[in-house]
C-alpha atoms as a PDB file:
ATOM      1  CA  MET A   1      82.669  86.102 110.433  1.00  0.00           C
ATOM      2  CA  GLU A   2      80.295  88.947 111.112  1.00  0.00           C
ATOM      3  CA  ARG A   3      81.876  92.348 110.502  1.00  0.00           C
ATOM      4  CA  LEU A   4      81.039  95.691 112.015  1.00  0.00           C
ATOM      5  CA  GLU A   5      79.682  98.345 109.691  1.00  0.00           C
ATOM      6  CA  LYS A   6      82.761 100.548 110.160  1.00  0.00           C
ATOM      7  CA  GLU A   7      85.045  97.686 109.074  1.00  0.00           C
ATOM      8  CA  THR A   8      82.916  96.868 106.040  1.00  0.00           C
ATOM      9  CA  ALA A   9      82.978 100.571 105.100  1.00  0.00           C
ATOM     10  CA  VAL A  10      86.804 100.452 104.978  1.00  0.00           C
ATOM     11  CA  TYR A  11      86.789  97.470 102.594  1.00  0.00           C
ATOM     12  CA  GLU A  12      84.159  99.131 100.398  1.00  0.00           C
ATOM     13  CA  LEU A  13      86.155 102.367 100.214  1.00  0.00           C
ATOM     14  CA  LEU A  14      89.384 100.543  99.348  1.00  0.00           C
ATOM     15  CA  LYS A  15      87.532  98.744  96.560  1.00  0.00           C
ATOM     16  CA  GLN A  16      85.993 102.012  95.314  1.00  0.00           C
ATOM     17  CA  LEU A  17      89.417 103.684  95.259  1.00  0.00           C
ATOM     18  CA  GLU A  18      90.934 100.622  93.551  1.00  0.00           C
ATOM     19  CA  ILE A  19      93.442 100.109  96.342  1.00  0.00           C
ATOM     20  CA  PRO A  20      94.596  96.486  96.539  1.00  0.00           C
ATOM     21  CA  TYR A  21      95.130  95.095 100.033  1.00  0.00           C
ATOM     22  CA  GLU A  22      95.729  91.920 101.975  1.00  0.00           C
ATOM     23  CA  ALA A  23      93.607  91.338 105.068  1.00  0.00           C
ATOM     24  CA  ILE A  24      93.677  88.805 107.848  1.00  0.00           C
ATOM     25  CA  ASP A  25      91.355  88.229 110.780  1.00  0.00           C
ATOM     26  CA  HIS A  26      92.789  87.527 114.224  1.00  0.00           C
ATOM     27  CA  PRO A  27      92.008  87.776 117.934  1.00  0.00           C
ATOM     28  CA  ALA A  28      91.786  91.351 119.239  1.00  0.00           C
ATOM     29  CA  ALA A  29      95.203  93.021 119.023  1.00  0.00           C
ATOM     30  CA  MET A  30      95.381  95.849 121.551  1.00  0.00           C
ATOM     31  CA  THR A  31      99.147  96.407 121.563  1.00  0.00           C
ATOM     32  CA  ILE A  32     102.148  96.258 119.246  1.00  0.00           C
ATOM     33  CA  ALA A  33     103.228  93.076 121.061  1.00  0.00           C
ATOM     34  CA  ASP A  34      99.883  91.513 120.102  1.00  0.00           C
ATOM     35  CA  CYS A  35     100.687  92.267 116.456  1.00  0.00           C
ATOM     36  CA  GLU A  36     103.920  90.263 116.262  1.00  0.00           C
ATOM     37  CA  GLU A  37     102.301  87.138 114.779  1.00  0.00           C
ATOM     38  CA  ILE A  38     100.118  89.251 112.465  1.00  0.00           C
ATOM     39  CA  ASP A  39     103.236  91.037 111.186  1.00  0.00           C
ATOM     40  CA  LYS A  40     104.806  87.704 110.259  1.00  0.00           C
ATOM     41  CA  LYS A  41     101.702  86.534 108.397  1.00  0.00           C
ATOM     42  CA  LEU A  42     101.414  89.762 106.395  1.00  0.00           C
ATOM     43  CA  GLY A  43     105.165  90.208 105.927  1.00  0.00           C
ATOM     44  CA  ILE A  44     105.106  93.743 107.333  1.00  0.00           C
ATOM     45  CA  GLN A  45     105.330  95.644 110.566  1.00  0.00           C
ATOM     46  CA  ILE A  46     102.068  97.058 111.858  1.00  0.00           C
ATOM     47  CA  CYS A  47     102.443 100.736 112.679  1.00  0.00           C
ATOM     48  CA  LYS A  48     102.040 102.140 116.132  1.00  0.00           C
ATOM     49  CA  ASN A  49      99.190 104.655 115.861  1.00  0.00           C
ATOM     50  CA  LEU A  50      98.893 107.313 118.538  1.00  0.00           C
ATOM     51  CA  PHE A  51      95.945 109.680 118.879  1.00  0.00           C
ATOM     52  CA  LEU A  52      97.301 112.902 120.368  1.00  0.00           C
ATOM     53  CA  CYS A  53      96.118 116.412 121.188  1.00  0.00           C
ATOM     54  CA  ASN A  54      97.414 119.711 122.478  1.00  0.00           C
ATOM     55  CA  ARG A  55      96.737 120.802 126.065  1.00  0.00           C
ATOM     56  CA  GLN A  56      93.670 122.847 125.089  1.00  0.00           C
ATOM     57  CA  LYS A  57      92.212 119.893 123.153  1.00  0.00           C
ATOM     58  CA  THR A  58      91.789 122.114 120.091  1.00  0.00           C
ATOM     59  CA  GLN A  59      94.261 120.314 117.817  1.00  0.00           C
ATOM     60  CA  PHE A  60      94.248 116.557 117.266  1.00  0.00           C
ATOM     61  CA  TYR A  61      96.886 114.389 115.620  1.00  0.00           C
ATOM     62  CA  LEU A  62      97.152 110.816 114.428  1.00  0.00           C
ATOM     63  CA  LEU A  63     100.809 109.771 114.556  1.00  0.00           C
ATOM     64  CA  MET A  64     102.001 106.687 112.661  1.00  0.00           C
ATOM     65  CA  LEU A  65     105.420 105.362 113.604  1.00  0.00           C
ATOM     66  CA  PRO A  66     107.263 102.039 113.500  1.00  0.00           C
ATOM     67  CA  GLY A  67     105.857  99.716 116.146  1.00  0.00           C
ATOM     68  CA  GLU A  68     109.064  99.352 118.135  1.00  0.00           C
ATOM     69  CA  LYS A  69     110.144 103.003 117.950  1.00  0.00           C
ATOM     70  CA  PRO A  70     109.896 104.840 121.278  1.00  0.00           C
ATOM     71  CA  PHE A  71     107.849 108.016 121.422  1.00  0.00           C
ATOM     72  CA  LYS A  72     108.787 111.158 123.317  1.00  0.00           C
ATOM     73  CA  THR A  73     106.556 114.191 122.840  1.00  0.00           C
ATOM     74  CA  LYS A  74     109.421 116.717 122.923  1.00  0.00           C
ATOM     75  CA  PHE A  75     110.816 115.442 119.605  1.00  0.00           C
ATOM     76  CA  LEU A  76     107.429 115.752 117.925  1.00  0.00           C
ATOM     77  CA  SER A  77     106.274 118.991 119.555  1.00  0.00           C
ATOM     78  CA  SER A  78     109.165 120.990 118.136  1.00  0.00           C
ATOM     79  CA  GLN A  79     108.517 119.708 114.597  1.00  0.00           C
ATOM     80  CA  ILE A  80     104.820 120.549 114.523  1.00  0.00           C
ATOM     81  CA  GLY A  81     104.885 123.698 116.666  1.00  0.00           C
ATOM     82  CA  SER A  82     102.528 122.344 119.297  1.00  0.00           C
ATOM     83  CA  ALA A  83     103.721 122.214 122.885  1.00  0.00           C
ATOM     84  CA  ARG A  84     102.368 119.954 125.588  1.00  0.00           C
ATOM     85  CA  LEU A  85     101.117 117.066 123.493  1.00  0.00           C
ATOM     86  CA  SER A  86      99.312 114.279 125.283  1.00  0.00           C
ATOM     87  CA  PHE A  87      97.154 111.309 124.456  1.00  0.00           C
ATOM     88  CA  ALA A  88      93.686 112.386 123.389  1.00  0.00           C
ATOM     89  CA  ASP A  89      90.628 110.912 125.046  1.00  0.00           C
ATOM     90  CA  ALA A  90      88.437 108.098 123.782  1.00  0.00           C
ATOM     91  CA  GLU A  91      85.456 110.425 123.295  1.00  0.00           C
ATOM     92  CA  HIS A  92      87.263 112.539 120.690  1.00  0.00           C
ATOM     93  CA  MET A  93      88.659 109.391 119.076  1.00  0.00           C
ATOM     94  CA  GLU A  94      85.152 108.017 118.600  1.00  0.00           C
ATOM     95  CA  GLU A  95      83.671 111.374 117.596  1.00  0.00           C
ATOM     96  CA  TYR A  96      86.257 112.203 114.919  1.00  0.00           C
ATOM     97  CA  LEU A  97      87.494 108.800 113.716  1.00  0.00           C
ATOM     98  CA  ASN A  98      84.694 106.379 114.724  1.00  0.00           C
ATOM     99  CA  ILE A  99      87.365 104.250 116.393  1.00  0.00           C
ATOM    100  CA  THR A 100      87.743 102.933 119.924  1.00  0.00           C
ATOM    101  CA  PRO A 101      91.038 102.668 121.863  1.00  0.00           C
ATOM    102  CA  GLY A 102      93.119  99.728 120.664  1.00  0.00           C
ATOM    103  CA  SER A 103      91.811 100.108 117.106  1.00  0.00           C
ATOM    104  CA  VAL A 104      93.406 103.432 116.128  1.00  0.00           C
ATOM    105  CA  SER A 105      94.169 103.454 112.417  1.00  0.00           C
ATOM    106  CA  VAL A 106      94.824 105.769 109.498  1.00  0.00           C
ATOM    107  CA  MET A 107      91.655 104.260 107.993  1.00  0.00           C
ATOM    108  CA  GLY A 108      89.667 106.231 110.582  1.00  0.00           C
ATOM    109  CA  LEU A 109      90.447 109.417 108.657  1.00  0.00           C
ATOM    110  CA  MET A 110      87.683 108.410 106.236  1.00  0.00           C
ATOM    111  CA  ASN A 111      85.270 109.283 109.058  1.00  0.00           C
ATOM    112  CA  ASP A 112      86.837 112.679 109.807  1.00  0.00           C
ATOM    113  CA  LYS A 113      84.822 114.682 107.283  1.00  0.00           C
ATOM    114  CA  GLU A 114      85.614 118.058 108.892  1.00  0.00           C
ATOM    115  CA  ASN A 115      89.389 117.500 109.169  1.00  0.00           C
ATOM    116  CA  HIS A 116      89.664 117.690 112.933  1.00  0.00           C
ATOM    117  CA  VAL A 117      92.659 115.328 112.870  1.00  0.00           C
ATOM    118  CA  GLN A 118      96.082 116.029 111.309  1.00  0.00           C
ATOM    119  CA  LEU A 119      97.959 112.967 110.081  1.00  0.00           C
ATOM    120  CA  LEU A 120     101.607 112.797 111.144  1.00  0.00           C
ATOM    121  CA  MET A 121     103.795 110.027 109.758  1.00  0.00           C
ATOM    122  CA  ASP A 122     107.298 109.118 110.833  1.00  0.00           C
ATOM    123  CA  LYS A 123     109.692 109.295 107.884  1.00  0.00           C
ATOM    124  CA  GLU A 124     110.453 105.557 108.154  1.00  0.00           C
ATOM    125  CA  VAL A 125     106.769 104.699 107.712  1.00  0.00           C
ATOM    126  CA  ALA A 126     106.376 107.203 104.869  1.00  0.00           C
ATOM    127  CA  GLU A 127     109.339 105.644 103.048  1.00  0.00           C
ATOM    128  CA  SER A 128     108.296 102.023 103.565  1.00  0.00           C
ATOM    129  CA  GLU A 129     106.762 100.080 100.679  1.00  0.00           C
ATOM    130  CA  TYR A 130     103.783  98.897 102.712  1.00  0.00           C
ATOM    131  CA  VAL A 131     101.863 100.106 105.705  1.00  0.00           C
ATOM    132  CA  GLY A 132     100.065  97.812 108.115  1.00  0.00           C
ATOM    133  CA  CYS A 133      96.946  99.008 109.881  1.00  0.00           C
ATOM    134  CA  HIS A 134      93.583  97.975 111.268  1.00  0.00           C
ATOM    135  CA  PRO A 135      90.358  98.528 109.272  1.00  0.00           C
ATOM    136  CA  CYS A 136      88.888 100.546 112.193  1.00  0.00           C
ATOM    137  CA  VAL A 137      88.625  97.385 114.336  1.00  0.00           C
ATOM    138  CA  ASN A 138      91.434  95.478 116.053  1.00  0.00           C
ATOM    139  CA  THR A 139      90.282  91.992 115.025  1.00  0.00           C
ATOM    140  CA  SER A 140      91.570  92.391 111.456  1.00  0.00           C
ATOM    141  CA  SER A 141      94.698  93.853 109.902  1.00  0.00           C
ATOM    142  CA  LEU A 142      95.496  95.219 106.457  1.00  0.00           C
ATOM    143  CA  LYS A 143      98.590  95.430 104.279  1.00  0.00           C
ATOM    144  CA  ILE A 144      98.405  98.359 101.861  1.00  0.00           C
ATOM    145  CA  LYS A 145     101.003  99.982  99.637  1.00  0.00           C
ATOM    146  CA  THR A 146     102.127 103.227 101.243  1.00  0.00           C
ATOM    147  CA  LYS A 147     101.978 104.858  97.808  1.00  0.00           C
ATOM    148  CA  ASP A 148      98.249 103.990  97.506  1.00  0.00           C
ATOM    149  CA  LEU A 149      97.623 105.389 100.972  1.00  0.00           C
ATOM    150  CA  MET A 150      99.360 108.663 100.065  1.00  0.00           C
ATOM    151  CA  GLU A 151      98.132 109.052  96.479  1.00  0.00           C
ATOM    152  CA  LYS A 152      94.594 107.629  96.633  1.00  0.00           C
ATOM    153  CA  PHE A 153      93.275 107.269 100.189  1.00  0.00           C
ATOM    154  CA  LEU A 154      94.472 110.552 101.724  1.00  0.00           C
ATOM    155  CA  PRO A 155      93.373 112.743  98.796  1.00  0.00           C
ATOM    156  CA  TYR A 156      89.937 111.087  98.951  1.00  0.00           C
ATOM    157  CA  THR A 157      89.645 111.837 102.675  1.00  0.00           C
ATOM    158  CA  LYS A 158      90.994 115.368 102.103  1.00  0.00           C
ATOM    159  CA  HIS A 159      93.776 114.840 104.645  1.00  0.00           C
ATOM    160  CA  GLU A 160      97.376 115.782 104.147  1.00  0.00           C
ATOM    161  CA  CYS A 161     100.271 113.937 105.686  1.00  0.00           C
ATOM    162  CA  VAL A 162     102.992 115.765 107.570  1.00  0.00           C
ATOM    163  CA  VAL A 163     106.180 113.682 107.622  1.00  0.00           C
ATOM    164  CA  VAL A 164     108.154 113.937 110.864  1.00  0.00           C
ATOM    165  CA  GLU A 165     111.487 112.461 111.932  1.00  0.00           C
ATOM    166  CA  LEU A 166     111.537 110.826 115.344  1.00  0.00           C
ATOM    167  CA  PRO A 167     114.720 109.350 116.853  1.00  0.00           C
ATOM    168  CA  TRP A 168     115.187 105.732 117.912  1.00  0.00           C
ATOM    169  CA  GLU A 169     117.171 106.780 120.974  1.00  0.00           C
ATOM    170  CA  VAL A 170     115.435 108.862 123.594  1.00  0.00           C
END
């Protein structure tokens, strides 16, 4: 299978950082529903990754939360002190993370050299043993220890994680 350069770069960085991972290839997975079979194969739940911004489009956020958890901006806005959050546009997603819609992933932070994007992680994801994500493309998925993500990957990318608590009921 021919891989895009941005996907290959993820695998090379994980190897360089000595982060073990499992990877599987699959048809394009654009939604959490598409990831159900992938989850079973990897023995994890792929995270829902949302690329958000404030109204002025001056602050950008990558939110990781359990795939089935609903998202309401009011619960997040109060925790991060940013009112009027909305989904950020594809142009900023490509510019900062080198990712297209449907492929949003924490791995994209390796491309955000100037720290335009703040990582936000739901407490349930932060406390899970493994995190599931795409390697910057939605035709493959990874299983990585959350500890390796926090202690090796994020320090390398010079991004800090802000843990937030979002409710299941909205």
